C-alpha cells in the first residue's frame, strides 16, 4: 500500500502542469484556478468537519495560515498556471523541482534552520539542468512570451517555498494540516474570487471533456486525493523519504510533455530533466541516505 501511495503521488503531481496545459484557456486562468480552489477548499472543510482532529489553530496562528494559503495555493498556482501556458509544461515542471532547493533556503531565512551544503550543491546541479533546456532557445531565437513564462514560473516556485516555510511554522505550533489546508484554501479561494471580480471576469463553466476532466483531476485528484495519500506517507515513512518524489517530477513532466506534443524530444530536454532530477535528489539528501534507507525508515 505504501508503494502504491508513493507512486500515486509521484505520478499525479508530476503530471500537474500537464493537466493545466490540457485544460487550456477557454476561460481566464484566474477563473479556472478559482474553480479549483473553491472545490479543494470545500473538500478540505468537509474533511475537517467530519474528522475534527486535534490541533485547532489559535487566533495568532491565522495570519501564518493565511500566508500559507496565499503563497502555496493562490499566487503560486496562478503564476505557475501562466508559466505553463506561456512556455512548456516540461519547463515549468523542471523549474518547480527547484523547490527542493528553495524551500530549505526559505526555512533558513524565516525560521533560522541550518542550510546544509548539499542544498547548495543540489541547487547548482538543478540550475545547470534549467540552463541546458533554455540554451537551444537562446541559440535559435525565442519569443518573449516564452521567457516571461520561465520567469513567472520561477516566481511561483519561490512563493511556494515561502508557503512551505509558513507551513513548517504551523506544523511546529501543532496545527493539524487538515485545518491549515481548510483555512488556507478558503483564504486562497477568496483572494482569487476578489482578483476575478476586480478584473471583471465572466464566470461560466466550459463543458468540453478536456476542460472538465482536467479541472476534476486538478481539484479532486491532485489537490485533495494525492495530498491525503501524502499525509499517510509522511506518517508511515517520514517527511524526508516522502519528499524524494520531487526529484522525479522533471522526468515525469518531460516525458508527458513530449507525449502530448507540448515539447520536442531533444537531447537538451533529456539531459536537462536528468540534471533537474539529480539536483533535487542531492538537495533532498537522497545520496546521503541511500546506503541506510532501510534503517532510516525503521527509525521514522
Protein backbone atom coordinates (compact mmCIF):
# COMPACT_ATOMS: atom_id res chain seq x y z
CA UNK A 1 0.00 0.00 0.00
CA UNK A 2 2.88 2.38 0.78
CA UNK A 3 4.38 1.74 -2.68
CA UNK A 4 1.00 2.43 -4.32
CA UNK A 5 0.53 5.72 -2.43
CA UNK A 6 4.08 6.81 -3.24
CA UNK A 7 3.71 6.08 -6.96
CA UNK A 8 0.25 7.68 -6.98
CA UNK A 9 1.53 10.96 -5.51
CA UNK A 10 4.61 10.90 -7.73
CA UNK A 11 2.65 10.44 -10.96
CA UNK A 12 -0.27 12.72 -10.06
CA UNK A 13 1.89 15.66 -9.00
CA UNK A 14 4.41 15.00 -11.76
CA UNK A 15 1.56 15.45 -14.27
CA UNK A 16 0.13 18.51 -12.53
CA UNK A 17 1.23 21.04 -15.15
CA UNK A 18 0.39 18.68 -18.00
CA UNK A 19 -3.22 18.82 -16.78
CA UNK A 20 -3.04 22.63 -16.73
CA UNK A 21 -1.82 22.57 -20.34
CA UNK A 22 -4.64 20.22 -21.37
CA UNK A 23 -7.19 22.37 -19.57
CA UNK A 24 -6.11 25.32 -21.70
CA UNK A 25 -7.66 28.77 -21.67
CA UNK A 26 -11.32 28.57 -22.77
CA UNK A 27 -11.82 30.95 -19.84
CA UNK A 28 -9.28 33.04 -17.98
CA UNK A 29 -6.68 31.27 -15.87
CA UNK A 30 -7.85 33.24 -12.83
CA UNK A 31 -11.38 31.83 -13.12
CA UNK A 32 -10.11 28.30 -13.77
CA UNK A 33 -7.92 28.48 -10.68
CA UNK A 34 -10.78 29.95 -8.64
CA UNK A 35 -12.93 26.93 -9.54
CA UNK A 36 -10.13 24.59 -8.48
CA UNK A 37 -9.51 26.36 -5.18
CA UNK A 38 -13.20 26.56 -4.31
CA UNK A 39 -13.60 22.83 -4.94
CA UNK A 40 -10.48 21.87 -3.00
CA UNK A 41 -11.34 24.18 -0.08
CA UNK A 42 -14.83 22.67 0.11
CA UNK A 43 -13.37 19.15 0.28
CA UNK A 44 -10.88 20.11 3.00
CA UNK A 45 -13.54 21.90 5.07
CA UNK A 46 -15.81 18.87 4.70
CA UNK A 47 -12.97 16.59 5.80
CA UNK A 48 -12.17 18.82 8.79
CA UNK A 49 -15.81 18.80 9.82
CA UNK A 50 -16.05 15.01 9.60
CA UNK A 51 -12.73 14.16 11.29
CA UNK A 52 -12.47 17.03 13.79
CA UNK A 53 -8.83 16.24 14.61
CA UNK A 54 -6.91 17.88 17.43
CA UNK A 55 -4.71 20.86 16.64
CA UNK A 56 -7.14 23.72 16.02
CA UNK A 57 -5.16 26.96 15.49
CA UNK A 58 -5.24 29.85 17.94
CA UNK A 59 -6.16 33.38 16.73
CA UNK A 60 -2.48 34.35 16.41
CA UNK A 61 -1.96 31.43 14.03
CA UNK A 62 -4.42 32.63 11.41
CA UNK A 63 -2.04 35.11 9.75
CA UNK A 64 0.69 32.47 9.11
CA UNK A 65 -2.01 30.12 7.81
CA UNK A 66 -3.31 32.87 5.53
CA UNK A 67 0.23 33.46 4.25
CA UNK A 68 0.50 29.73 3.60
CA UNK A 69 -2.76 29.77 1.63
CA UNK A 70 -1.86 32.84 -0.42
CA UNK A 71 1.68 31.66 -1.21
CA UNK A 72 1.09 27.93 -1.66
CA UNK A 73 -2.36 27.93 -3.25
CA UNK A 74 -3.37 31.28 -4.72
CA UNK A 75 -0.47 33.29 -6.15
CA UNK A 76 2.00 30.45 -6.69
CA UNK A 77 -0.61 28.39 -8.57
CA UNK A 78 -1.63 31.41 -10.63
CA UNK A 79 1.96 32.19 -11.64
CA UNK A 80 2.68 28.53 -12.40
CA UNK A 81 -0.50 28.35 -14.49
CA UNK A 82 0.66 31.31 -16.56
CA UNK A 83 4.14 29.85 -16.82
CA UNK A 84 2.70 26.59 -18.16
CA UNK A 85 0.56 28.30 -20.79
CA UNK A 86 3.27 30.76 -21.89
CA UNK A 87 6.12 28.25 -22.05
CA UNK A 88 6.00 24.45 -21.79
CA UNK A 89 4.78 22.07 -19.10
CA UNK A 90 8.15 20.27 -19.07
CA UNK A 91 9.97 23.54 -18.45
CA UNK A 92 7.65 24.52 -15.60
CA UNK A 93 7.93 21.08 -14.00
CA UNK A 94 11.71 21.36 -14.17
CA UNK A 95 11.64 24.83 -12.62
CA UNK A 96 9.19 23.69 -9.95
CA UNK A 97 11.61 20.94 -8.89
CA UNK A 98 13.87 23.79 -7.71
CA UNK A 99 11.57 23.96 -4.70
CA UNK A 100 13.71 21.16 -3.26
CA UNK A 101 16.43 23.82 -3.06
CA UNK A 102 14.37 26.96 -2.47
CA UNK A 103 12.36 25.57 0.45
CA UNK A 104 15.45 24.93 2.64
CA UNK A 105 16.65 28.44 1.78
CA UNK A 106 13.27 29.86 2.85
CA UNK A 107 13.44 27.82 6.06
CA UNK A 108 16.86 29.30 6.72
CA UNK A 109 15.69 32.87 6.08
CA UNK A 110 12.41 32.75 8.01
CA UNK A 111 12.85 30.02 10.62
CA UNK A 112 16.64 30.15 11.03
CA UNK A 113 17.05 26.48 10.19
CA UNK A 114 20.50 25.23 9.23
CA UNK A 115 21.23 25.25 5.49
CA UNK A 116 23.12 22.09 4.53
CA UNK A 117 25.90 22.32 1.91
CA UNK A 118 24.08 19.62 -0.06
CA UNK A 119 21.31 22.15 -0.78
CA UNK A 120 23.80 24.49 -2.46
CA UNK A 121 25.29 21.60 -4.43
CA UNK A 122 21.85 20.35 -5.48
CA UNK A 123 20.77 23.85 -6.45
CA UNK A 124 23.81 24.25 -8.68
CA UNK A 125 23.09 20.96 -10.46
CA UNK A 126 19.40 21.85 -10.88
CA UNK A 127 20.23 25.26 -12.32
CA UNK A 128 22.54 23.58 -14.82
CA UNK A 129 19.55 21.46 -15.83
CA UNK A 130 17.42 24.55 -16.43
CA UNK A 131 20.24 26.17 -18.42
CA UNK A 132 20.58 23.06 -20.60
CA UNK A 133 16.90 23.26 -21.56
CA UNK A 134 17.00 27.03 -22.11
CA UNK A 135 20.25 27.00 -24.13
CA UNK A 136 18.78 25.92 -27.50
CA UNK A 137 16.13 28.61 -27.15
CA UNK A 138 18.84 31.24 -26.82
CA UNK A 139 20.64 29.91 -29.88
CA UNK A 140 17.62 29.70 -32.14
CA UNK A 141 15.92 32.86 -31.00
CA UNK A 142 12.94 32.89 -28.70
CA UNK A 143 9.62 34.53 -28.12
CA UNK A 144 9.46 36.99 -25.26
CA UNK A 145 6.31 35.21 -24.06
CA UNK A 146 8.28 32.00 -23.50
CA UNK A 147 10.88 33.85 -21.44
CA UNK A 148 8.10 35.52 -19.43
CA UNK A 149 6.69 32.05 -18.79
CA UNK A 150 10.02 30.87 -17.39
CA UNK A 151 10.34 33.95 -15.18
CA UNK A 152 6.82 33.80 -13.77
CA UNK A 153 7.15 30.04 -13.14
CA UNK A 154 10.31 30.72 -11.14
CA UNK A 155 8.47 33.40 -9.15
CA UNK A 156 5.66 30.93 -8.47
CA UNK A 157 8.18 28.37 -7.23
CA UNK A 158 9.76 30.95 -4.91
CA UNK A 159 6.32 31.73 -3.47
CA UNK A 160 5.74 28.01 -2.96
CA UNK A 161 8.96 27.82 -0.95
CA UNK A 162 7.81 30.74 1.22
CA UNK A 163 4.49 28.96 1.72
CA UNK A 164 6.36 25.80 2.70
CA UNK A 165 8.24 27.77 5.37
CA UNK A 166 4.93 29.07 6.71
CA UNK A 167 3.57 25.53 6.67
CA UNK A 168 6.60 24.33 8.65
CA UNK A 169 5.96 27.06 11.22
CA UNK A 170 2.33 25.96 11.52
CA UNK A 171 3.37 22.34 11.99
CA UNK A 172 5.77 23.37 14.77
CA UNK A 173 2.86 25.01 16.56
CA UNK A 174 0.96 21.72 16.47
CA UNK A 175 -1.67 22.86 13.97
CA UNK A 176 -3.23 19.90 12.18
CA UNK A 177 -2.63 20.08 8.40
CA UNK A 178 -6.32 19.50 7.69
CA UNK A 179 -7.10 22.80 9.41
CA UNK A 180 -4.18 24.57 7.72
CA UNK A 181 -5.35 23.43 4.30
CA UNK A 182 -9.01 24.20 5.05
CA UNK A 183 -8.37 27.75 6.24
CA UNK A 184 -5.55 28.40 3.78
CA UNK A 185 -7.65 27.04 0.93
CA UNK A 186 -10.58 29.30 1.85
CA UNK A 187 -8.30 32.35 2.02
CA UNK A 188 -6.82 31.44 -1.38
CA UNK A 189 -10.26 30.95 -2.93
CA UNK A 190 -11.49 34.30 -1.59
CA UNK A 191 -8.38 36.04 -2.93
CA UNK A 192 -8.82 34.53 -6.41
CA UNK A 193 -12.51 35.44 -6.44
CA UNK A 194 -11.56 39.00 -5.47
CA UNK A 195 -8.99 39.16 -8.27
CA UNK A 196 -11.57 37.90 -10.76
CA UNK A 197 -14.15 40.43 -9.55
CA UNK A 198 -11.60 43.27 -9.77
CA UNK A 199 -10.74 42.24 -13.34
CA UNK A 200 -14.42 41.97 -14.27
CA UNK A 201 -14.08 38.33 -15.30
CA UNK A 202 -17.09 36.37 -16.51
CA UNK A 203 -17.87 33.22 -14.55
CA UNK A 204 -19.08 30.33 -16.65
CA UNK A 205 -18.10 26.68 -16.84
CA UNK A 206 -16.81 25.33 -20.18
CA UNK A 207 -18.39 21.98 -21.00
CA UNK A 208 -15.62 20.38 -23.06
CA UNK A 209 -14.41 17.00 -21.83
CA UNK A 210 -10.79 18.16 -21.79
CA UNK A 211 -11.58 21.15 -19.56
CA UNK A 212 -13.89 19.38 -17.13
CA UNK A 213 -11.62 16.33 -16.95
CA UNK A 214 -8.55 18.46 -16.22
CA UNK A 215 -10.47 20.52 -13.65
CA UNK A 216 -11.67 17.38 -11.86
CA UNK A 217 -8.15 15.94 -11.94
CA UNK A 218 -6.55 19.10 -10.55
CA UNK A 219 -9.22 19.62 -7.88
CA UNK A 220 -10.09 16.15 -6.61
CA UNK A 221 -7.07 14.04 -7.52
CA UNK A 222 -4.10 16.45 -7.34
CA UNK A 223 -5.22 18.97 -4.71
CA UNK A 224 -7.12 16.60 -2.42
CA UNK A 225 -6.59 12.88 -3.08
CA UNK A 226 -2.82 12.96 -3.58
CA UNK A 227 -2.45 15.23 -0.58
CA UNK A 228 -4.32 12.73 1.61
CA UNK A 229 -2.04 9.93 0.45
CA UNK A 230 0.99 12.13 1.05
CA UNK A 231 -0.06 12.69 4.67
CA UNK A 232 -0.26 8.92 5.12
CA UNK A 233 3.20 8.54 3.58
CA UNK A 234 4.67 11.13 5.95
CA UNK A 235 3.07 9.23 8.83
CA UNK A 236 4.42 5.85 7.66
CA UNK A 237 7.89 6.59 6.26
CA UNK A 238 8.65 10.17 7.30
CA UNK A 239 8.66 13.54 5.54
CA UNK A 240 12.25 13.25 4.27
CA UNK A 241 11.72 9.94 2.48
CA UNK A 242 8.33 11.06 1.13
CA UNK A 243 9.89 14.25 -0.23
CA UNK A 244 12.23 12.35 -2.54
CA UNK A 245 9.44 12.12 -5.12
CA UNK A 246 10.06 15.79 -6.01
CA UNK A 247 13.34 14.67 -7.58
CA UNK A 248 11.47 12.65 -10.21
CA UNK A 249 8.95 15.33 -11.22
CA UNK A 250 11.11 16.64 -14.12
CA UNK A 251 11.38 13.16 -15.63
CA UNK A 252 7.63 12.53 -15.48
CA UNK A 253 6.76 16.02 -16.67
CA UNK A 254 9.29 15.83 -19.51
CA UNK A 255 8.02 12.50 -20.84
CA UNK A 256 4.38 13.58 -20.58
CA UNK A 257 5.09 16.94 -22.22
CA UNK A 258 6.63 15.16 -25.20
CA UNK A 259 3.72 12.70 -25.31
CA UNK A 260 1.11 15.47 -25.69
CA UNK A 261 3.22 17.36 -28.23
CA UNK A 262 3.98 20.26 -25.89
CA UNK A 263 7.78 19.76 -26.13
CA UNK A 264 10.18 18.37 -28.71
CA UNK A 265 12.06 15.17 -27.72
CA UNK A 266 15.58 16.59 -27.79
CA UNK A 267 18.80 15.66 -26.01
CA UNK A 268 18.69 19.08 -24.35
CA UNK A 269 15.34 18.21 -22.76
CA UNK A 270 16.58 14.75 -21.76
CA UNK A 271 19.75 15.94 -20.07
CA UNK A 272 18.03 18.99 -18.60
CA UNK A 273 15.47 16.76 -16.89
CA UNK A 274 18.20 14.35 -15.73
CA UNK A 275 20.17 17.20 -14.18
CA UNK A 276 16.97 18.52 -12.61
CA UNK A 277 16.24 15.12 -11.05
CA UNK A 278 19.83 14.75 -9.85
CA UNK A 279 19.92 18.25 -8.36
CA UNK A 280 16.67 17.77 -6.45
CA UNK A 281 17.88 14.38 -5.20
CA UNK A 282 21.15 15.87 -3.95
CA UNK A 283 19.36 18.78 -2.26
CA UNK A 284 16.99 16.38 -0.51
CA UNK A 285 19.91 14.29 0.76
CA UNK A 286 18.98 11.20 -1.25
CA UNK A 287 22.58 10.21 -1.95
CA UNK A 288 23.49 10.56 1.70
CA UNK A 289 20.65 8.35 2.92
CA UNK A 290 20.53 5.65 0.25
CA UNK A 291 23.03 3.31 1.97
CA UNK A 292 20.98 3.29 5.15
CA UNK A 293 17.49 3.88 3.76
CA UNK A 294 16.03 0.78 5.35
CA UNK A 295 17.35 1.74 8.77
CA UNK A 296 16.15 5.31 8.34
CA UNK A 297 12.61 4.21 7.58
CA UNK A 298 12.56 1.99 10.64
CA UNK A 299 13.66 4.89 12.84
CA UNK A 300 10.99 7.17 11.45
